[in-house]
ModelCIF file with pLDDT and N, C-alpha, C, O atoms, coordinates in Angstrom:
data_MODEL
#
_entry.id   MODEL 
#
_entity.id                         1 
_entity.type                       polymer 
_entity.pdbx_number_of_molecules   1 
#
_entity_poly.entity_id                      1 
_entity_poly.type                           'polypeptide(L)' 
_entity_poly.nstd_linkage                   no 
_entity_poly.nstd_monomer                   no 
_entity_poly.pdbx_seq_one_letter_code       YGAIFIGFFAALFGGTSTQISGPTAPMTAVSLVVIAGVIA 
_entity_poly.pdbx_seq_one_letter_code_can   YGAIFIGFFAALFGGTSTQISGPTAPMTAVSLVVIAGVIA 
_entity_poly.pdbx_strand_id                 A 
#
loop_
_entity_poly_seq.entity_id 
_entity_poly_seq.num 
_entity_poly_seq.mon_id 
_entity_poly_seq.hetero 
1 1  TYR n 
1 2  GLY n 
1 3  ALA n 
1 4  ILE n 
1 5  PHE n 
1 6  ILE n 
1 7  GLY n 
1 8  PHE n 
1 9  PHE n 
1 10 ALA n 
1 11 ALA n 
1 12 LEU n 
1 13 PHE n 
1 14 GLY n 
1 15 GLY n 
1 16 THR n 
1 17 SER n 
1 18 THR n 
1 19 GLN n 
1 20 ILE n 
1 21 SER n 
1 22 GLY n 
1 23 PRO n 
1 24 THR n 
1 25 ALA n 
1 26 PRO n 
1 27 MET n 
1 28 THR n 
1 29 ALA n 
1 30 VAL n 
1 31 SER n 
1 32 LEU n 
1 33 VAL n 
1 34 VAL n 
1 35 ILE n 
1 36 ALA n 
1 37 GLY n 
1 38 VAL n 
1 39 ILE n 
1 40 ALA n 
#
_struct_asym.id          A 
_struct_asym.entity_id   1 
#
loop_
_ma_qa_metric.id 
_ma_qa_metric.mode 
_ma_qa_metric.name 
_ma_qa_metric.software_group_id 
_ma_qa_metric.type 
1 global pLDDT . pLDDT 
2 local  pLDDT . pLDDT 
#
_ma_qa_metric_global.metric_id      1 
_ma_qa_metric_global.metric_value   89.42 
_ma_qa_metric_global.model_id       1 
_ma_qa_metric_global.ordinal_id     1 
#
loop_
_ma_qa_metric_local.label_asym_id 
_ma_qa_metric_local.label_comp_id 
_ma_qa_metric_local.label_seq_id 
_ma_qa_metric_local.metric_id 
_ma_qa_metric_local.metric_value 
_ma_qa_metric_local.model_id 
_ma_qa_metric_local.ordinal_id 
A TYR 1  2 93.00 1 1  
A GLY 2  2 94.00 1 2  
A ALA 3  2 94.00 1 3  
A ILE 4  2 95.00 1 4  
A PHE 5  2 96.00 1 5  
A ILE 6  2 95.00 1 6  
A GLY 7  2 94.00 1 7  
A PHE 8  2 96.00 1 8  
A PHE 9  2 96.00 1 9  
A ALA 10 2 95.00 1 10 
A ALA 11 2 94.00 1 11 
A LEU 12 2 93.00 1 12 
A PHE 13 2 94.00 1 13 
A GLY 14 2 92.00 1 14 
A GLY 15 2 90.00 1 15 
A THR 16 2 90.00 1 16 
A SER 17 2 90.00 1 17 
A THR 18 2 91.00 1 18 
A GLN 19 2 93.00 1 19 
A ILE 20 2 92.00 1 20 
A SER 21 2 94.00 1 21 
A GLY 22 2 93.00 1 22 
A PRO 23 2 92.00 1 23 
A THR 24 2 89.00 1 24 
A ALA 25 2 83.00 1 25 
A PRO 26 2 84.00 1 26 
A MET 27 2 89.00 1 27 
A THR 28 2 88.00 1 28 
A ALA 29 2 84.00 1 29 
A VAL 30 2 85.00 1 30 
A SER 31 2 88.00 1 31 
A LEU 32 2 84.00 1 32 
A VAL 33 2 81.00 1 33 
A VAL 34 2 85.00 1 34 
A ILE 35 2 87.00 1 35 
A ALA 36 2 82.00 1 36 
A GLY 37 2 80.00 1 37 
A VAL 38 2 84.00 1 38 
A ILE 39 2 82.00 1 39 
A ALA 40 2 76.00 1 40 
#
loop_
_atom_site.group_PDB 
_atom_site.id 
_atom_site.type_symbol 
_atom_site.label_atom_id 
_atom_site.label_alt_id 
_atom_site.label_comp_id 
_atom_site.label_asym_id 
_atom_site.label_entity_id 
_atom_site.label_seq_id 
_atom_site.pdbx_PDB_ins_code 
_atom_site.Cartn_x 
_atom_site.Cartn_y 
_atom_site.Cartn_z 
_atom_site.occupancy 
_atom_site.B_iso_or_equiv 
_atom_site.pdbx_formal_charge 
_atom_site.auth_seq_id 
_atom_site.auth_comp_id 
_atom_site.auth_asym_id 
_atom_site.auth_atom_id 
_atom_site.pdbx_PDB_model_num 
ATOM 1   N N  . TYR A 1 1  ? -5.606 71.344 86.185  1.00 93.00 ? 1  TYR A N  1 
ATOM 2   C CA . TYR A 1 1  ? -4.814 72.417 85.588  1.00 93.00 ? 1  TYR A CA 1 
ATOM 3   C C  . TYR A 1 1  ? -3.549 71.852 84.935  1.00 93.00 ? 1  TYR A C  1 
ATOM 4   O O  . TYR A 1 1  ? -3.166 72.266 83.840  1.00 93.00 ? 1  TYR A O  1 
ATOM 5   N N  . GLY A 1 2  ? -2.906 70.898 85.622  1.00 94.00 ? 2  GLY A N  1 
ATOM 6   C CA . GLY A 1 2  ? -1.717 70.277 85.050  1.00 94.00 ? 2  GLY A CA 1 
ATOM 7   C C  . GLY A 1 2  ? -2.032 69.561 83.752  1.00 94.00 ? 2  GLY A C  1 
ATOM 8   O O  . GLY A 1 2  ? -1.296 69.690 82.773  1.00 94.00 ? 2  GLY A O  1 
ATOM 9   N N  . ALA A 1 3  ? -3.133 68.799 83.737  1.00 94.00 ? 3  ALA A N  1 
ATOM 10  C CA . ALA A 1 3  ? -3.507 68.059 82.532  1.00 94.00 ? 3  ALA A CA 1 
ATOM 11  C C  . ALA A 1 3  ? -3.854 69.000 81.382  1.00 94.00 ? 3  ALA A C  1 
ATOM 12  O O  . ALA A 1 3  ? -3.543 68.707 80.228  1.00 94.00 ? 3  ALA A O  1 
ATOM 13  N N  . ILE A 1 4  ? -4.490 70.118 81.686  1.00 95.00 ? 4  ILE A N  1 
ATOM 14  C CA . ILE A 1 4  ? -4.910 71.065 80.650  1.00 95.00 ? 4  ILE A CA 1 
ATOM 15  C C  . ILE A 1 4  ? -3.694 71.754 80.025  1.00 95.00 ? 4  ILE A C  1 
ATOM 16  O O  . ILE A 1 4  ? -3.520 71.728 78.807  1.00 95.00 ? 4  ILE A O  1 
ATOM 17  N N  . PHE A 1 5  ? -2.857 72.368 80.860  1.00 96.00 ? 5  PHE A N  1 
ATOM 18  C CA . PHE A 1 5  ? -1.772 73.192 80.326  1.00 96.00 ? 5  PHE A CA 1 
ATOM 19  C C  . PHE A 1 5  ? -0.612 72.351 79.786  1.00 96.00 ? 5  PHE A C  1 
ATOM 20  O O  . PHE A 1 5  ? -0.058 72.664 78.732  1.00 96.00 ? 5  PHE A O  1 
ATOM 21  N N  . ILE A 1 6  ? -0.246 71.297 80.497  1.00 95.00 ? 6  ILE A N  1 
ATOM 22  C CA . ILE A 1 6  ? 0.825  70.428 79.984  1.00 95.00 ? 6  ILE A CA 1 
ATOM 23  C C  . ILE A 1 6  ? 0.349  69.744 78.715  1.00 95.00 ? 6  ILE A C  1 
ATOM 24  O O  . ILE A 1 6  ? 1.070  69.680 77.720  1.00 95.00 ? 6  ILE A O  1 
ATOM 25  N N  . GLY A 1 7  ? -0.886 69.230 78.764  1.00 94.00 ? 7  GLY A N  1 
ATOM 26  C CA . GLY A 1 7  ? -1.425 68.534 77.596  1.00 94.00 ? 7  GLY A CA 1 
ATOM 27  C C  . GLY A 1 7  ? -1.457 69.407 76.353  1.00 94.00 ? 7  GLY A C  1 
ATOM 28  O O  . GLY A 1 7  ? -1.111 68.948 75.264  1.00 94.00 ? 7  GLY A O  1 
ATOM 29  N N  . PHE A 1 8  ? -1.869 70.665 76.503  1.00 96.00 ? 8  PHE A N  1 
ATOM 30  C CA . PHE A 1 8  ? -2.005 71.556 75.347  1.00 96.00 ? 8  PHE A CA 1 
ATOM 31  C C  . PHE A 1 8  ? -0.650 71.994 74.805  1.00 96.00 ? 8  PHE A C  1 
ATOM 32  O O  . PHE A 1 8  ? -0.380 71.872 73.610  1.00 96.00 ? 8  PHE A O  1 
ATOM 33  N N  . PHE A 1 9  ? 0.207  72.509 75.700  1.00 96.00 ? 9  PHE A N  1 
ATOM 34  C CA . PHE A 1 9  ? 1.462  73.109 75.223  1.00 96.00 ? 9  PHE A CA 1 
ATOM 35  C C  . PHE A 1 9  ? 2.525  72.063 74.885  1.00 96.00 ? 9  PHE A C  1 
ATOM 36  O O  . PHE A 1 9  ? 3.356  72.301 74.009  1.00 96.00 ? 9  PHE A O  1 
ATOM 37  N N  . ALA A 1 10 ? 2.516  70.931 75.549  1.00 95.00 ? 10 ALA A N  1 
ATOM 38  C CA . ALA A 1 10 ? 3.456  69.864 75.175  1.00 95.00 ? 10 ALA A CA 1 
ATOM 39  C C  . ALA A 1 10 ? 3.084  69.311 73.798  1.00 95.00 ? 10 ALA A C  1 
ATOM 40  O O  . ALA A 1 10 ? 3.962  68.951 73.014  1.00 95.00 ? 10 ALA A O  1 
ATOM 41  N N  . ALA A 1 11 ? 1.781  69.244 73.506  1.00 94.00 ? 11 ALA A N  1 
ATOM 42  C CA . ALA A 1 11 ? 1.351  68.806 72.177  1.00 94.00 ? 11 ALA A CA 1 
ATOM 43  C C  . ALA A 1 11 ? 1.718  69.841 71.119  1.00 94.00 ? 11 ALA A C  1 
ATOM 44  O O  . ALA A 1 11 ? 2.160  69.482 70.027  1.00 94.00 ? 11 ALA A O  1 
ATOM 45  N N  . LEU A 1 12 ? 1.538  71.116 71.433  1.00 93.00 ? 12 LEU A N  1 
ATOM 46  C CA . LEU A 1 12 ? 1.800  72.188 70.481  1.00 93.00 ? 12 LEU A CA 1 
ATOM 47  C C  . LEU A 1 12 ? 3.285  72.318 70.154  1.00 93.00 ? 12 LEU A C  1 
ATOM 48  O O  . LEU A 1 12 ? 3.651  72.480 68.990  1.00 93.00 ? 12 LEU A O  1 
ATOM 49  N N  . PHE A 1 13 ? 4.140  72.249 71.173  1.00 94.00 ? 13 PHE A N  1 
ATOM 50  C CA . PHE A 1 13 ? 5.572  72.498 70.973  1.00 94.00 ? 13 PHE A CA 1 
ATOM 51  C C  . PHE A 1 13 ? 6.433  71.227 71.002  1.00 94.00 ? 13 PHE A C  1 
ATOM 52  O O  . PHE A 1 13 ? 7.624  71.285 70.693  1.00 94.00 ? 13 PHE A O  1 
ATOM 53  N N  . GLY A 1 14 ? 5.843  70.083 71.369  1.00 92.00 ? 14 GLY A N  1 
ATOM 54  C CA . GLY A 1 14 ? 6.624  68.859 71.558  1.00 92.00 ? 14 GLY A CA 1 
ATOM 55  C C  . GLY A 1 14 ? 7.069  68.207 70.263  1.00 92.00 ? 14 GLY A C  1 
ATOM 56  O O  . GLY A 1 14 ? 6.746  68.668 69.168  1.00 92.00 ? 14 GLY A O  1 
ATOM 57  N N  . GLY A 1 15 ? 7.826  67.113 70.415  1.00 90.00 ? 15 GLY A N  1 
ATOM 58  C CA . GLY A 1 15 ? 8.405  66.434 69.262  1.00 90.00 ? 15 GLY A CA 1 
ATOM 59  C C  . GLY A 1 15 ? 7.791  65.091 68.966  1.00 90.00 ? 15 GLY A C  1 
ATOM 60  O O  . GLY A 1 15 ? 8.334  64.332 68.163  1.00 90.00 ? 15 GLY A O  1 
ATOM 61  N N  . THR A 1 16 ? 6.654  64.768 69.602  1.00 90.00 ? 16 THR A N  1 
ATOM 62  C CA . THR A 1 16 ? 5.952  63.514 69.330  1.00 90.00 ? 16 THR A CA 1 
ATOM 63  C C  . THR A 1 16 ? 4.514  63.861 68.976  1.00 90.00 ? 16 THR A C  1 
ATOM 64  O O  . THR A 1 16 ? 3.750  64.298 69.837  1.00 90.00 ? 16 THR A O  1 
ATOM 65  N N  . SER A 1 17 ? 4.144  63.673 67.729  1.00 90.00 ? 17 SER A N  1 
ATOM 66  C CA . SER A 1 17 ? 2.869  64.211 67.240  1.00 90.00 ? 17 SER A CA 1 
ATOM 67  C C  . SER A 1 17 ? 1.643  63.604 67.903  1.00 90.00 ? 17 SER A C  1 
ATOM 68  O O  . SER A 1 17 ? 0.597  64.250 67.965  1.00 90.00 ? 17 SER A O  1 
ATOM 69  N N  . THR A 1 18 ? 1.750  62.370 68.403  1.00 91.00 ? 18 THR A N  1 
ATOM 70  C CA . THR A 1 18 ? 0.565  61.705 68.972  1.00 91.00 ? 18 THR A CA 1 
ATOM 71  C C  . THR A 1 18 ? 0.584  61.634 70.500  1.00 91.00 ? 18 THR A C  1 
ATOM 72  O O  . THR A 1 18 ? -0.285 61.008 71.105  1.00 91.00 ? 18 THR A O  1 
ATOM 73  N N  . GLN A 1 19 ? 1.564  62.269 71.112  1.00 93.00 ? 19 GLN A N  1 
ATOM 74  C CA . GLN A 1 19 ? 1.724  62.145 72.569  1.00 93.00 ? 19 GLN A CA 1 
ATOM 75  C C  . GLN A 1 19 ? 0.645  62.921 73.327  1.00 93.00 ? 19 GLN A C  1 
ATOM 76  O O  . GLN A 1 19 ? 0.339  64.066 72.995  1.00 93.00 ? 19 GLN A O  1 
ATOM 77  N N  . ILE A 1 20 ? 0.081  62.283 74.343  1.00 92.00 ? 20 ILE A N  1 
ATOM 78  C CA . ILE A 1 20 ? -0.841 62.944 75.268  1.00 92.00 ? 20 ILE A CA 1 
ATOM 79  C C  . ILE A 1 20 ? -0.108 63.088 76.602  1.00 92.00 ? 20 ILE A C  1 
ATOM 80  O O  . ILE A 1 20 ? 0.355  62.102 77.175  1.00 92.00 ? 20 ILE A O  1 
ATOM 81  N N  . SER A 1 21 ? -0.010 64.305 77.081  1.00 94.00 ? 21 SER A N  1 
ATOM 82  C CA . SER A 1 21 ? 0.760  64.576 78.300  1.00 94.00 ? 21 SER A CA 1 
ATOM 83  C C  . SER A 1 21 ? -0.146 65.050 79.422  1.00 94.00 ? 21 SER A C  1 
ATOM 84  O O  . SER A 1 21 ? -1.242 65.558 79.184  1.00 94.00 ? 21 SER A O  1 
ATOM 85  N N  . GLY A 1 22 ? 0.323  64.877 80.635  1.00 93.00 ? 22 GLY A N  1 
ATOM 86  C CA . GLY A 1 22 ? -0.415 65.304 81.814  1.00 93.00 ? 22 GLY A CA 1 
ATOM 87  C C  . GLY A 1 22 ? 0.214  64.697 83.056  1.00 93.00 ? 22 GLY A C  1 
ATOM 88  O O  . GLY A 1 22 ? 1.249  64.037 82.961  1.00 93.00 ? 22 GLY A O  1 
ATOM 89  N N  . PRO A 1 23 ? -0.384 64.904 84.205  1.00 92.00 ? 23 PRO A N  1 
ATOM 90  C CA . PRO A 1 23 ? 0.154  64.316 85.441  1.00 92.00 ? 23 PRO A CA 1 
ATOM 91  C C  . PRO A 1 23 ? 0.253  62.800 85.328  1.00 92.00 ? 23 PRO A C  1 
ATOM 92  O O  . PRO A 1 23 ? -0.663 62.147 84.828  1.00 92.00 ? 23 PRO A O  1 
ATOM 93  N N  . THR A 1 24 ? 1.359  62.249 85.790  1.00 89.00 ? 24 THR A N  1 
ATOM 94  C CA . THR A 1 24 ? 1.576  60.804 85.774  1.00 89.00 ? 24 THR A CA 1 
ATOM 95  C C  . THR A 1 24 ? 1.938  60.340 87.179  1.00 89.00 ? 24 THR A C  1 
ATOM 96  O O  . THR A 1 24 ? 2.249  61.150 88.051  1.00 89.00 ? 24 THR A O  1 
ATOM 97  N N  . ALA A 1 25 ? 1.893  59.023 87.389  1.00 83.00 ? 25 ALA A N  1 
ATOM 98  C CA . ALA A 1 25 ? 2.175  58.476 88.715  1.00 83.00 ? 25 ALA A CA 1 
ATOM 99  C C  . ALA A 1 25 ? 3.584  58.831 89.214  1.00 83.00 ? 25 ALA A C  1 
ATOM 100 O O  . ALA A 1 25 ? 3.717  59.306 90.342  1.00 83.00 ? 25 ALA A O  1 
ATOM 101 N N  . PRO A 1 26 ? 4.637  58.617 88.413  1.00 84.00 ? 26 PRO A N  1 
ATOM 102 C CA . PRO A 1 26 ? 5.985  58.964 88.904  1.00 84.00 ? 26 PRO A CA 1 
ATOM 103 C C  . PRO A 1 26 ? 6.138  60.446 89.222  1.00 84.00 ? 26 PRO A C  1 
ATOM 104 O O  . PRO A 1 26 ? 6.709  60.802 90.253  1.00 84.00 ? 26 PRO A O  1 
ATOM 105 N N  . MET A 1 27 ? 5.634  61.312 88.346  1.00 89.00 ? 27 MET A N  1 
ATOM 106 C CA . MET A 1 27 ? 5.767  62.752 88.573  1.00 89.00 ? 27 MET A CA 1 
ATOM 107 C C  . MET A 1 27 ? 4.982  63.185 89.811  1.00 89.00 ? 27 MET A C  1 
ATOM 108 O O  . MET A 1 27 ? 5.439  64.041 90.568  1.00 89.00 ? 27 MET A O  1 
ATOM 109 N N  . THR A 1 28 ? 3.813  62.600 90.016  1.00 88.00 ? 28 THR A N  1 
ATOM 110 C CA . THR A 1 28 ? 3.018  62.954 91.187  1.00 88.00 ? 28 THR A CA 1 
ATOM 111 C C  . THR A 1 28 ? 3.703  62.495 92.469  1.00 88.00 ? 28 THR A C  1 
ATOM 112 O O  . THR A 1 28 ? 3.674  63.200 93.478  1.00 88.00 ? 28 THR A O  1 
ATOM 113 N N  . ALA A 1 29 ? 4.318  61.314 92.432  1.00 84.00 ? 29 ALA A N  1 
ATOM 114 C CA . ALA A 1 29 ? 5.004  60.798 93.627  1.00 84.00 ? 29 ALA A CA 1 
ATOM 115 C C  . ALA A 1 29 ? 6.150  61.705 94.048  1.00 84.00 ? 29 ALA A C  1 
ATOM 116 O O  . ALA A 1 29 ? 6.323  61.972 95.237  1.00 84.00 ? 29 ALA A O  1 
ATOM 117 N N  . VAL A 1 30 ? 6.935  62.181 93.084  1.00 85.00 ? 30 VAL A N  1 
ATOM 118 C CA . VAL A 1 30 ? 8.050  63.082 93.411  1.00 85.00 ? 30 VAL A CA 1 
ATOM 119 C C  . VAL A 1 30 ? 7.512  64.457 93.803  1.00 85.00 ? 30 VAL A C  1 
ATOM 120 O O  . VAL A 1 30 ? 8.054  65.101 94.701  1.00 85.00 ? 30 VAL A O  1 
ATOM 121 N N  . SER A 1 31 ? 6.452  64.909 93.137  1.00 88.00 ? 31 SER A N  1 
ATOM 122 C CA . SER A 1 31 ? 5.836  66.196 93.497  1.00 88.00 ? 31 SER A CA 1 
ATOM 123 C C  . SER A 1 31 ? 5.347  66.176 94.936  1.00 88.00 ? 31 SER A C  1 
ATOM 124 O O  . SER A 1 31 ? 5.440  67.173 95.652  1.00 88.00 ? 31 SER A O  1 
ATOM 125 N N  . LEU A 1 32 ? 4.828  65.035 95.347  1.00 84.00 ? 32 LEU A N  1 
ATOM 126 C CA . LEU A 1 32 ? 4.339  64.887 96.720  1.00 84.00 ? 32 LEU A CA 1 
ATOM 127 C C  . LEU A 1 32 ? 5.453  65.129 97.731  1.00 84.00 ? 32 LEU A C  1 
ATOM 128 O O  . LEU A 1 32 ? 5.217  65.699 98.796  1.00 84.00 ? 32 LEU A O  1 
ATOM 129 N N  . VAL A 1 33 ? 6.668  64.695 97.398  1.00 81.00 ? 33 VAL A N  1 
ATOM 130 C CA . VAL A 1 33 ? 7.825  64.930 98.274  1.00 81.00 ? 33 VAL A CA 1 
ATOM 131 C C  . VAL A 1 33 ? 8.068  66.428 98.429  1.00 81.00 ? 33 VAL A C  1 
ATOM 132 O O  . VAL A 1 33 ? 8.303  66.917 99.533  1.00 81.00 ? 33 VAL A O  1 
ATOM 133 N N  . VAL A 1 34 ? 8.010  67.145 97.315  1.00 85.00 ? 34 VAL A N  1 
ATOM 134 C CA . VAL A 1 34 ? 8.203  68.606 97.340  1.00 85.00 ? 34 VAL A CA 1 
ATOM 135 C C  . VAL A 1 34 ? 7.110  69.270 98.156  1.00 85.00 ? 34 VAL A C  1 
ATOM 136 O O  . VAL A 1 34 ? 7.387  70.083 99.038  1.00 85.00 ? 34 VAL A O  1 
ATOM 137 N N  . ILE A 1 35 ? 5.867  68.920 97.858  1.00 87.00 ? 35 ILE A N  1 
ATOM 138 C CA . ILE A 1 35 ? 4.724  69.571 98.504  1.00 87.00 ? 35 ILE A CA 1 
ATOM 139 C C  . ILE A 1 35 ? 4.745  69.340 100.008 1.00 87.00 ? 35 ILE A C  1 
ATOM 140 O O  . ILE A 1 35 ? 4.572  70.277 100.787 1.00 87.00 ? 35 ILE A O  1 
ATOM 141 N N  . ALA A 1 36 ? 4.957  68.088 100.419 1.00 82.00 ? 36 ALA A N  1 
ATOM 142 C CA . ALA A 1 36 ? 4.969  67.773 101.851 1.00 82.00 ? 36 ALA A CA 1 
ATOM 143 C C  . ALA A 1 36 ? 6.112  68.490 102.559 1.00 82.00 ? 36 ALA A C  1 
ATOM 144 O O  . ALA A 1 36 ? 5.937  69.001 103.665 1.00 82.00 ? 36 ALA A O  1 
ATOM 145 N N  . GLY A 1 37 ? 7.288  68.528 101.921 1.00 80.00 ? 37 GLY A N  1 
ATOM 146 C CA . GLY A 1 37 ? 8.445  69.182 102.538 1.00 80.00 ? 37 GLY A CA 1 
ATOM 147 C C  . GLY A 1 37 ? 8.262  70.672 102.715 1.00 80.00 ? 37 GLY A C  1 
ATOM 148 O O  . GLY A 1 37 ? 8.591  71.221 103.767 1.00 80.00 ? 37 GLY A O  1 
ATOM 149 N N  . VAL A 1 38 ? 7.737  71.337 101.687 1.00 84.00 ? 38 VAL A N  1 
ATOM 150 C CA . VAL A 1 38 ? 7.553  72.796 101.759 1.00 84.00 ? 38 VAL A CA 1 
ATOM 151 C C  . VAL A 1 38 ? 6.445  73.151 102.748 1.00 84.00 ? 38 VAL A C  1 
ATOM 152 O O  . VAL A 1 38 ? 6.568  74.121 103.495 1.00 84.00 ? 38 VAL A O  1 
ATOM 153 N N  . ILE A 1 39 ? 5.358  72.366 102.756 1.00 82.00 ? 39 ILE A N  1 
ATOM 154 C CA . ILE A 1 39 ? 4.272  72.633 103.704 1.00 82.00 ? 39 ILE A CA 1 
ATOM 155 C C  . ILE A 1 39 ? 4.770  72.486 105.139 1.00 82.00 ? 39 ILE A C  1 
ATOM 156 O O  . ILE A 1 39 ? 4.407  73.275 106.011 1.00 82.00 ? 39 ILE A O  1 
ATOM 157 N N  . ALA A 1 40 ? 5.610  71.466 105.382 1.00 76.00 ? 40 ALA A N  1 
ATOM 158 C CA . ALA A 1 40 ? 6.136  71.229 106.734 1.00 76.00 ? 40 ALA A CA 1 
ATOM 159 C C  . ALA A 1 40 ? 6.975  72.405 107.230 1.00 76.00 ? 40 ALA A C  1 
ATOM 160 O O  . ALA A 1 40 ? 7.491  72.368 108.347 1.00 76.00 ? 40 ALA A O  1 
#
């Protein structure tokens, strides 16, 4: 879902015409901190 929606709308509204967006390692690592903390 992240790859689909970020990829589509970041391409549509973004400022880099060739950029492909989606979940990345750094963003997932920080997201994991949020997810683990809230679940706990």
